[in-house]
PDB file of N, CA and C in Angstrom:
ATOM      1  N   MET A   1      11.039  18.196  11.252  1.00  0.00           N
ATOM      2  CA  MET A   1      10.836  17.781   9.773  1.00  0.00           C
ATOM      3  C   MET A   1       9.816  16.654   9.888  1.00  0.00           C
ATOM      4  N   ILE A   2       9.155  16.790   8.738  1.00  0.00           N
ATOM      5  CA  ILE A   2       8.088  15.729   8.387  1.00  0.00           C
ATOM      6  C   ILE A   2       8.564  14.597   7.657  1.00  0.00           C
ATOM      7  N   ASN A   3       8.103  13.513   8.176  1.00  0.00           N
ATOM      8  CA  ASN A   3       8.483  12.217   7.354  1.00  0.00           C
ATOM      9  C   ASN A   3       7.103  11.742   6.643  1.00  0.00           C
ATOM     10  N   ILE A   4       7.034  11.762   5.392  1.00  0.00           N
ATOM     11  CA  ILE A   4       5.944  11.205   4.698  1.00  0.00           C
ATOM     12  C   ILE A   4       6.141   9.794   4.328  1.00  0.00           C
ATOM     13  N   ILE A   5       5.271   8.894   4.823  1.00  0.00           N
ATOM     14  CA  ILE A   5       5.290   7.525   4.757  1.00  0.00           C
ATOM     15  C   ILE A   5       4.224   6.858   3.929  1.00  0.00           C
ATOM     16  N   THR A   6       4.663   6.142   3.020  1.00  0.00           N
ATOM     17  CA  THR A   6       3.692   5.505   2.105  1.00  0.00           C
ATOM     18  C   THR A   6       4.109   4.087   1.666  1.00  0.00           C
ATOM     19  N   ARG A   7       3.223   3.479   0.991  1.00  0.00           N
ATOM     20  CA  ARG A   7       3.607   2.252   0.455  1.00  0.00           C
ATOM     21  C   ARG A   7       3.507   2.271  -1.072  1.00  0.00           C
ATOM     22  N   ILE A   8       4.582   1.957  -1.777  1.00  0.00           N
ATOM     23  CA  ILE A   8       4.563   2.093  -3.346  1.00  0.00           C
ATOM     24  C   ILE A   8       3.882   1.003  -4.138  1.00  0.00           C
ATOM     25  N   ARG A   9       2.746   1.302  -4.693  1.00  0.00           N
ATOM     26  CA  ARG A   9       2.246   0.320  -5.616  1.00  0.00           C
ATOM     27  C   ARG A   9       2.470   0.860  -7.008  1.00  0.00           C
ATOM     28  N   HIS A  10       2.433   2.068  -7.262  1.00  0.00           N
ATOM     29  CA  HIS A  10       2.648   2.641  -8.588  1.00  0.00           C
ATOM     30  C   HIS A  10       3.864   3.702  -8.494  1.00  0.00           C
ATOM     31  N   PRO A  11       5.121   3.168  -8.954  1.00  0.00           N
ATOM     32  CA  PRO A  11       6.180   4.239  -8.742  1.00  0.00           C
ATOM     33  C   PRO A  11       6.039   5.461  -9.444  1.00  0.00           C
ATOM     34  N   GLU A  12       5.345   5.634 -10.538  1.00  0.00           N
ATOM     35  CA  GLU A  12       5.120   6.850 -11.301  1.00  0.00           C
ATOM     36  C   GLU A  12       4.347   7.697 -10.360  1.00  0.00           C
ATOM     37  N   LEU A  13       3.255   7.200  -9.768  1.00  0.00           N
ATOM     38  CA  LEU A  13       2.387   7.944  -8.907  1.00  0.00           C
ATOM     39  C   LEU A  13       3.234   8.465  -7.689  1.00  0.00           C
ATOM     40  N   TYR A  14       4.074   7.605  -7.134  1.00  0.00           N
ATOM     41  CA  TYR A  14       4.891   7.816  -5.886  1.00  0.00           C
ATOM     42  C   TYR A  14       5.770   9.161  -6.227  1.00  0.00           C
ATOM     43  N   ARG A  15       6.420   9.136  -7.492  1.00  0.00           N
ATOM     44  CA  ARG A  15       7.166  10.283  -7.737  1.00  0.00           C
ATOM     45  C   ARG A  15       6.431  11.513  -7.975  1.00  0.00           C
ATOM     46  N   LYS A  16       5.170  11.520  -8.479  1.00  0.00           N
ATOM     47  CA  LYS A  16       4.352  12.562  -8.579  1.00  0.00           C
ATOM     48  C   LYS A  16       4.018  13.237  -7.224  1.00  0.00           C
ATOM     49  N   MET A  17       3.730  12.232  -6.273  1.00  0.00           N
ATOM     50  CA  MET A  17       3.361  12.600  -4.988  1.00  0.00           C
ATOM     51  C   MET A  17       4.615  13.430  -4.225  1.00  0.00           C
ATOM     52  N   GLN A  18       5.840  12.802  -4.439  1.00  0.00           N
ATOM     53  CA  GLN A  18       7.143  13.450  -3.833  1.00  0.00           C
ATOM     54  C   GLN A  18       7.131  14.802  -4.439  1.00  0.00           C
ATOM     55  N   THR A  19       7.043  14.965  -5.736  1.00  0.00           N
ATOM     56  CA  THR A  19       7.305  16.091  -6.399  1.00  0.00           C
ATOM     57  C   THR A  19       6.107  17.236  -5.849  1.00  0.00           C
ATOM     58  N   SER A  20       5.027  16.961  -5.748  1.00  0.00           N
ATOM     59  CA  SER A  20       3.933  17.855  -5.353  1.00  0.00           C
ATOM     60  C   SER A  20       4.169  18.100  -3.808  1.00  0.00           C
ATOM     61  N   ALA A  21       4.531  17.177  -2.992  1.00  0.00           N
ATOM     62  CA  ALA A  21       4.901  17.557  -1.476  1.00  0.00           C
ATOM     63  C   ALA A  21       5.875  18.502  -1.478  1.00  0.00           C
ATOM     64  N   ARG A  22       6.980  18.296  -2.202  1.00  0.00           N
ATOM     65  CA  ARG A  22       8.223  19.229  -2.029  1.00  0.00           C
ATOM     66  C   ARG A  22       7.904  20.567  -2.627  1.00  0.00           C
ATOM     67  N   ALA A  23       7.135  20.654  -3.669  1.00  0.00           N
ATOM     68  CA  ALA A  23       6.757  22.029  -4.285  1.00  0.00           C
ATOM     69  C   ALA A  23       5.818  22.720  -3.572  1.00  0.00           C
ATOM     70  N   THR A  24       4.986  22.238  -2.589  1.00  0.00           N
ATOM     71  CA  THR A  24       4.130  22.962  -1.768  1.00  0.00           C
ATOM     72  C   THR A  24       4.523  23.058  -0.419  1.00  0.00           C
ATOM     73  N   ALA A  25       5.396  22.425   0.220  1.00  0.00           N
ATOM     74  CA  ALA A  25       5.837  22.356   1.560  1.00  0.00           C
ATOM     75  C   ALA A  25       6.838  23.579   1.609  1.00  0.00           C
ATOM     76  N   LYS A  26       6.830  24.129   2.908  1.00  0.00           N
ATOM     77  CA  LYS A  26       7.672  25.175   3.242  1.00  0.00           C
ATOM     78  C   LYS A  26       9.017  24.809   3.966  1.00  0.00           C
ATOM     79  N   GLY A  27       8.803  23.670   4.592  1.00  0.00           N
ATOM     80  CA  GLY A  27       9.977  23.040   5.366  1.00  0.00           C
ATOM     81  C   GLY A  27      10.721  21.962   4.787  1.00  0.00           C
ATOM     82  N   LEU A  28      11.607  21.249   5.373  1.00  0.00           N
ATOM     83  CA  LEU A  28      12.164  19.973   5.015  1.00  0.00           C
ATOM     84  C   LEU A  28      11.274  18.759   5.172  1.00  0.00           C
ATOM     85  N   LEU A  29      11.508  17.919   4.349  1.00  0.00           N
ATOM     86  CA  LEU A  29      10.616  16.630   4.241  1.00  0.00           C
ATOM     87  C   LEU A  29      11.457  15.500   4.084  1.00  0.00           C
ATOM     88  N   MET A  30      11.067  14.350   4.834  1.00  0.00           N
ATOM     89  CA  MET A  30      11.821  13.218   4.586  1.00  0.00           C
ATOM     90  C   MET A  30      10.775  12.222   3.974  1.00  0.00           C
ATOM     91  N   PHE A  31      11.055  11.137   3.113  1.00  0.00           N
ATOM     92  CA  PHE A  31      10.182  10.163   2.522  1.00  0.00           C
ATOM     93  C   PHE A  31      10.667   9.014   3.004  1.00  0.00           C
ATOM     94  N   SER A  32       9.656   8.036   3.464  1.00  0.00           N
ATOM     95  CA  SER A  32      10.043   6.666   3.709  1.00  0.00           C
ATOM     96  C   SER A  32       8.890   5.930   3.134  1.00  0.00           C
ATOM     97  N   ALA A  33       9.288   4.661   2.637  1.00  0.00           N
ATOM     98  CA  ALA A  33       8.341   3.846   1.817  1.00  0.00           C
ATOM     99  C   ALA A  33       8.617   2.315   1.843  1.00  0.00           C
ATOM    100  N   ALA A  34       7.580   1.754   1.816  1.00  0.00           N
ATOM    101  CA  ALA A  34       7.726   0.106   1.651  1.00  0.00           C
ATOM    102  C   ALA A  34       6.999  -0.103   0.343  1.00  0.00           C
ATOM    103  N   HIS A  35       7.621  -1.009  -0.445  1.00  0.00           N
ATOM    104  CA  HIS A  35       7.015  -1.458  -1.695  1.00  0.00           C
ATOM    105  C   HIS A  35       5.917  -2.382  -1.448  1.00  0.00           C
ATOM    106  N   ASP A  36       4.887  -2.368  -2.258  1.00  0.00           N
ATOM    107  CA  ASP A  36       3.678  -3.145  -2.027  1.00  0.00           C
ATOM    108  C   ASP A  36       3.948  -4.458  -2.919  1.00  0.00           C
ATOM    109  N   ASP A  37       4.074  -5.518  -1.983  1.00  0.00           N
ATOM    110  CA  ASP A  37       4.256  -6.850  -2.652  1.00  0.00           C
ATOM    111  C   ASP A  37       3.038  -7.663  -2.311  1.00  0.00           C
ATOM    112  N   GLY A  38       1.902  -7.022  -1.980  1.00  0.00           N
ATOM    113  CA  GLY A  38       0.675  -7.630  -1.657  1.00  0.00           C
ATOM    114  C   GLY A  38       0.555  -8.137  -0.032  1.00  0.00           C
ATOM    115  N   SER A  39       1.703  -7.950   0.567  1.00  0.00           N
ATOM    116  CA  SER A  39       1.547  -8.075   2.170  1.00  0.00           C
ATOM    117  C   SER A  39       2.710  -7.555   2.804  1.00  0.00           C
ATOM    118  N   PRO A  40       2.617  -7.222   4.077  1.00  0.00           N
ATOM    119  CA  PRO A  40       1.380  -7.271   4.879  1.00  0.00           C
ATOM    120  C   PRO A  40       0.426  -6.260   4.445  1.00  0.00           C
ATOM    121  N   LYS A  41      -0.613  -6.127   5.208  1.00  0.00           N
ATOM    122  CA  LYS A  41      -1.737  -5.119   5.060  1.00  0.00           C
ATOM    123  C   LYS A  41      -0.933  -3.758   5.024  1.00  0.00           C
ATOM    124  N   ILE A  42      -1.775  -2.894   4.374  1.00  0.00           N
ATOM    125  CA  ILE A  42      -1.091  -1.397   4.312  1.00  0.00           C
ATOM    126  C   ILE A  42      -0.910  -0.861   5.646  1.00  0.00           C
ATOM    127  N   ALA A  43      -1.803  -0.997   6.679  1.00  0.00           N
ATOM    128  CA  ALA A  43      -1.615  -0.551   7.895  1.00  0.00           C
ATOM    129  C   ALA A  43      -0.217  -1.054   8.674  1.00  0.00           C
ATOM    130  N   GLU A  44      -0.107  -2.352   8.314  1.00  0.00           N
ATOM    131  CA  GLU A  44       1.016  -2.994   9.074  1.00  0.00           C
ATOM    132  C   GLU A  44       2.240  -2.378   8.288  1.00  0.00           C
ATOM    133  N   SER A  45       2.329  -2.128   7.120  1.00  0.00           N
ATOM    134  CA  SER A  45       3.472  -1.587   6.299  1.00  0.00           C
ATOM    135  C   SER A  45       3.704  -0.148   6.868  1.00  0.00           C
ATOM    136  N   TYR A  46       2.641   0.549   7.122  1.00  0.00           N
ATOM    137  CA  TYR A  46       2.830   1.873   7.543  1.00  0.00           C
ATOM    138  C   TYR A  46       3.411   1.929   8.993  1.00  0.00           C
ATOM    139  N   ASN A  47       3.068   1.132   9.772  1.00  0.00           N
ATOM    140  CA  ASN A  47       3.619   0.831  11.160  1.00  0.00           C
ATOM    141  C   ASN A  47       5.015   0.433  11.022  1.00  0.00           C
ATOM    142  N   MET A  48       5.443  -0.545  10.334  1.00  0.00           N
ATOM    143  CA  MET A  48       6.753  -0.978  10.222  1.00  0.00           C
ATOM    144  C   MET A  48       7.774   0.169   9.808  1.00  0.00           C
ATOM    145  N   VAL A  49       7.188   0.971   8.605  1.00  0.00           N
ATOM    146  CA  VAL A  49       8.187   1.924   8.232  1.00  0.00           C
ATOM    147  C   VAL A  49       8.086   3.208   9.222  1.00  0.00           C
ATOM    148  N   GLY A  50       7.006   3.417   9.865  1.00  0.00           N
ATOM    149  CA  GLY A  50       6.841   4.595  10.709  1.00  0.00           C
ATOM    150  C   GLY A  50       7.777   4.194  12.084  1.00  0.00           C
ATOM    151  N   ALA A  51       7.865   3.015  12.388  1.00  0.00           N
ATOM    152  CA  ALA A  51       8.741   2.604  13.600  1.00  0.00           C
ATOM    153  C   ALA A  51      10.165   3.020  13.412  1.00  0.00           C
ATOM    154  N   THR A  52      10.754   3.129  12.249  1.00  0.00           N
ATOM    155  CA  THR A  52      12.118   3.395  11.981  1.00  0.00           C
ATOM    156  C   THR A  52      12.301   4.935  11.699  1.00  0.00           C
ATOM    157  N   SER A  53      11.299   5.676  11.805  1.00  0.00           N
ATOM    158  CA  SER A  53      11.441   7.167  11.529  1.00  0.00           C
ATOM    159  C   SER A  53      12.324   7.806  12.656  1.00  0.00           C
ATOM    160  N   ILE A  54      13.014   8.890  12.140  1.00  0.00           N
ATOM    161  CA  ILE A  54      13.619   9.625  13.098  1.00  0.00           C
ATOM    162  C   ILE A  54      12.890  11.124  13.382  1.00  0.00           C
ATOM    163  N   SER A  55      11.800  11.167  12.578  1.00  0.00           N
ATOM    164  CA  SER A  55      11.069  12.233  12.817  1.00  0.00           C
ATOM    165  C   SER A  55       9.999  12.254  13.814  1.00  0.00           C
ATOM    166  N   ASP A  56       9.712  13.588  14.489  1.00  0.00           N
ATOM    167  CA  ASP A  56       8.452  13.526  15.177  1.00  0.00           C
ATOM    168  C   ASP A  56       7.110  13.761  14.679  1.00  0.00           C
ATOM    169  N   ILE A  57       7.074  13.927  13.428  1.00  0.00           N
ATOM    170  CA  ILE A  57       5.713  14.104  12.700  1.00  0.00           C
ATOM    171  C   ILE A  57       5.770  13.216  11.493  1.00  0.00           C
ATOM    172  N   LEU A  58       4.842  12.311  11.670  1.00  0.00           N
ATOM    173  CA  LEU A  58       4.648  11.247  10.433  1.00  0.00           C
ATOM    174  C   LEU A  58       3.385  11.525   9.850  1.00  0.00           C
ATOM    175  N   VAL A  59       3.515  11.578   8.366  1.00  0.00           N
ATOM    176  CA  VAL A  59       2.310  11.808   7.486  1.00  0.00           C
ATOM    177  C   VAL A  59       2.052  10.511   6.771  1.00  0.00           C
ATOM    178  N   PHE A  60       1.035   9.934   6.878  1.00  0.00           N
ATOM    179  CA  PHE A  60       0.779   8.626   6.169  1.00  0.00           C
ATOM    180  C   PHE A  60      -0.119   8.906   5.116  1.00  0.00           C
ATOM    181  N   VAL A  61       0.423   8.608   3.756  1.00  0.00           N
ATOM    182  CA  VAL A  61      -0.461   8.902   2.610  1.00  0.00           C
ATOM    183  C   VAL A  61      -0.341   7.711   1.467  1.00  0.00           C
ATOM    184  N   HIS A  62      -1.222   7.640   0.795  1.00  0.00           N
ATOM    185  CA  HIS A  62      -1.114   6.743  -0.243  1.00  0.00           C
ATOM    186  C   HIS A  62      -0.346   7.351  -1.424  1.00  0.00           C
ATOM    187  N   ASP A  63       0.283   6.378  -2.387  1.00  0.00           N
ATOM    188  CA  ASP A  63       1.120   6.848  -3.242  1.00  0.00           C
ATOM    189  C   ASP A  63       0.614   7.628  -4.484  1.00  0.00           C
ATOM    190  N   ASP A  64      -0.803   7.739  -4.475  1.00  0.00           N
ATOM    191  CA  ASP A  64      -1.492   8.454  -5.453  1.00  0.00           C
ATOM    192  C   ASP A  64      -1.960   9.839  -4.904  1.00  0.00           C
ATOM    193  N   VAL A  65      -1.495  10.334  -3.802  1.00  0.00           N
ATOM    194  CA  VAL A  65      -1.991  11.650  -3.334  1.00  0.00           C
ATOM    195  C   VAL A  65      -1.165  12.649  -3.985  1.00  0.00           C
ATOM    196  N   VAL A  66      -1.874  13.754  -4.298  1.00  0.00           N
ATOM    197  CA  VAL A  66      -1.177  14.987  -4.906  1.00  0.00           C
ATOM    198  C   VAL A  66      -1.349  16.181  -3.896  1.00  0.00           C
ATOM    199  N   PHE A  67      -0.258  16.727  -3.432  1.00  0.00           N
ATOM    200  CA  PHE A  67      -0.377  17.832  -2.567  1.00  0.00           C
ATOM    201  C   PHE A  67      -0.614  19.117  -3.235  1.00  0.00           C
ATOM    202  N   LEU A  68      -1.711  19.769  -2.883  1.00  0.00           N
ATOM    203  CA  LEU A  68      -2.054  20.934  -3.696  1.00  0.00           C
ATOM    204  C   LEU A  68      -1.974  22.340  -2.916  1.00  0.00           C
ATOM    205  N   SER A  69      -1.906  22.170  -1.582  1.00  0.00           N
ATOM    206  CA  SER A  69      -2.042  23.504  -0.636  1.00  0.00           C
ATOM    207  C   SER A  69      -0.650  24.003  -0.316  1.00  0.00           C
ATOM    208  N   ASP A  70      -0.347  25.161  -0.674  1.00  0.00           N
ATOM    209  CA  ASP A  70       0.959  25.641  -0.357  1.00  0.00           C
ATOM    210  C   ASP A  70       0.962  25.717   1.212  1.00  0.00           C
ATOM    211  N   GLY A  71       2.047  25.411   1.802  1.00  0.00           N
ATOM    212  CA  GLY A  71       2.442  25.439   3.178  1.00  0.00           C
ATOM    213  C   GLY A  71       1.466  24.453   4.008  1.00  0.00           C
ATOM    214  N   TRP A  72       1.183  23.307   3.323  1.00  0.00           N
ATOM    215  CA  TRP A  72       0.358  22.346   4.028  1.00  0.00           C
ATOM    216  C   TRP A  72       1.223  21.759   5.259  1.00  0.00           C
ATOM    217  N   ASP A  73       2.594  21.722   5.214  1.00  0.00           N
ATOM    218  CA  ASP A  73       3.282  21.189   6.267  1.00  0.00           C
ATOM    219  C   ASP A  73       3.136  22.206   7.460  1.00  0.00           C
ATOM    220  N   ASN A  74       3.277  23.465   7.222  1.00  0.00           N
ATOM    221  CA  ASN A  74       3.072  24.438   8.338  1.00  0.00           C
ATOM    222  C   ASN A  74       1.678  24.263   8.936  1.00  0.00           C
ATOM    223  N   LYS A  75       0.701  24.110   8.257  1.00  0.00           N
ATOM    224  CA  LYS A  75      -0.760  23.689   8.904  1.00  0.00           C
ATOM    225  C   LYS A  75      -0.689  22.624   9.648  1.00  0.00           C
ATOM    226  N   ILE A  76      -0.064  21.494   9.336  1.00  0.00           N
ATOM    227  CA  ILE A  76       0.014  20.383  10.243  1.00  0.00           C
ATOM    228  C   ILE A  76       0.714  20.645  11.475  1.00  0.00           C
ATOM    229  N   ILE A  77       1.922  21.267  11.177  1.00  0.00           N
ATOM    230  CA  ILE A  77       2.733  21.612  12.540  1.00  0.00           C
ATOM    231  C   ILE A  77       1.906  22.574  13.388  1.00  0.00           C
ATOM    232  N   ASN A  78       1.317  23.618  12.967  1.00  0.00           N
ATOM    233  CA  ASN A  78       0.580  24.545  13.742  1.00  0.00           C
ATOM    234  C   ASN A  78      -0.678  23.723  14.486  1.00  0.00           C
ATOM    235  N   ALA A  79      -1.318  22.860  13.743  1.00  0.00           N
ATOM    236  CA  ALA A  79      -2.434  22.041  14.472  1.00  0.00           C
ATOM    237  C   ALA A  79      -1.844  21.307  15.589  1.00  0.00           C
ATOM    238  N   LEU A  80      -0.600  20.683  15.482  1.00  0.00           N
ATOM    239  CA  LEU A  80      -0.106  19.787  16.484  1.00  0.00           C
ATOM    240  C   LEU A  80       0.359  20.800  17.507  1.00  0.00           C
ATOM    241  N   GLU A  81       0.968  21.981  17.294  1.00  0.00           N
ATOM    242  CA  GLU A  81       1.337  22.882  18.420  1.00  0.00           C
ATOM    243  C   GLU A  81       0.055  23.322  19.189  1.00  0.00           C
ATOM    244  N   LEU A  82      -1.123  23.437  18.737  1.00  0.00           N
ATOM    245  CA  LEU A  82      -2.254  23.677  19.379  1.00  0.00           C
ATOM    246  C   LEU A  82      -2.652  22.655  20.373  1.00  0.00           C
ATOM    247  N   GLY A  83      -2.157  21.407  20.259  1.00  0.00           N
ATOM    248  CA  GLY A  83      -2.286  20.273  21.284  1.00  0.00           C
ATOM    249  C   GLY A  83      -3.051  19.079  20.684  1.00  0.00           C
ATOM    250  N   PHE A  84      -3.456  19.076  19.322  1.00  0.00           N
ATOM    251  CA  PHE A  84      -3.967  17.820  18.837  1.00  0.00           C
ATOM    252  C   PHE A  84      -2.743  16.921  18.532  1.00  0.00           C
ATOM    253  N   ASP A  85      -3.172  15.568  18.852  1.00  0.00           N
ATOM    254  CA  ASP A  85      -2.271  14.501  18.741  1.00  0.00           C
ATOM    255  C   ASP A  85      -2.201  14.034  17.302  1.00  0.00           C
ATOM    256  N   VAL A  86      -3.419  13.970  16.673  1.00  0.00           N
ATOM    257  CA  VAL A  86      -3.739  13.471  15.315  1.00  0.00           C
ATOM    258  C   VAL A  86      -4.320  14.661  14.509  1.00  0.00           C
ATOM    259  N   VAL A  87      -3.797  14.700  13.304  1.00  0.00           N
ATOM    260  CA  VAL A  87      -4.362  15.657  12.357  1.00  0.00           C
ATOM    261  C   VAL A  87      -4.776  14.934  11.060  1.00  0.00           C
ATOM    262  N   GLY A  88      -5.914  15.126  10.534  1.00  0.00           N
ATOM    263  CA  GLY A  88      -6.247  14.544   9.294  1.00  0.00           C
ATOM    264  C   GLY A  88      -6.668  15.520   8.217  1.00  0.00           C
ATOM    265  N   ALA A  89      -6.299  15.158   6.953  1.00  0.00           N
ATOM    266  CA  ALA A  89      -6.667  16.019   5.928  1.00  0.00           C
ATOM    267  C   ALA A  89      -7.312  15.350   4.827  1.00  0.00           C
TER     268      ALA A  89
END
């Protein structure tokens, strides 16, 4: 399972991101987020949220991302299975 981790600055964009991720993914997704209160820095927020994840695959995205590619999750899984430790898009 993939865990999509973000920091929510704009709730309406976050909902759009979730909808697009679900619509284009082939597998199960989990969503974890911190609300943007101005601190800590975004990387620190991602690390704090990621540290509590039960998933082996973490995808860090901003709340304004829209997923467009069908099967994007399988592409990430396939790249990781080839031996890559980090995959960027």
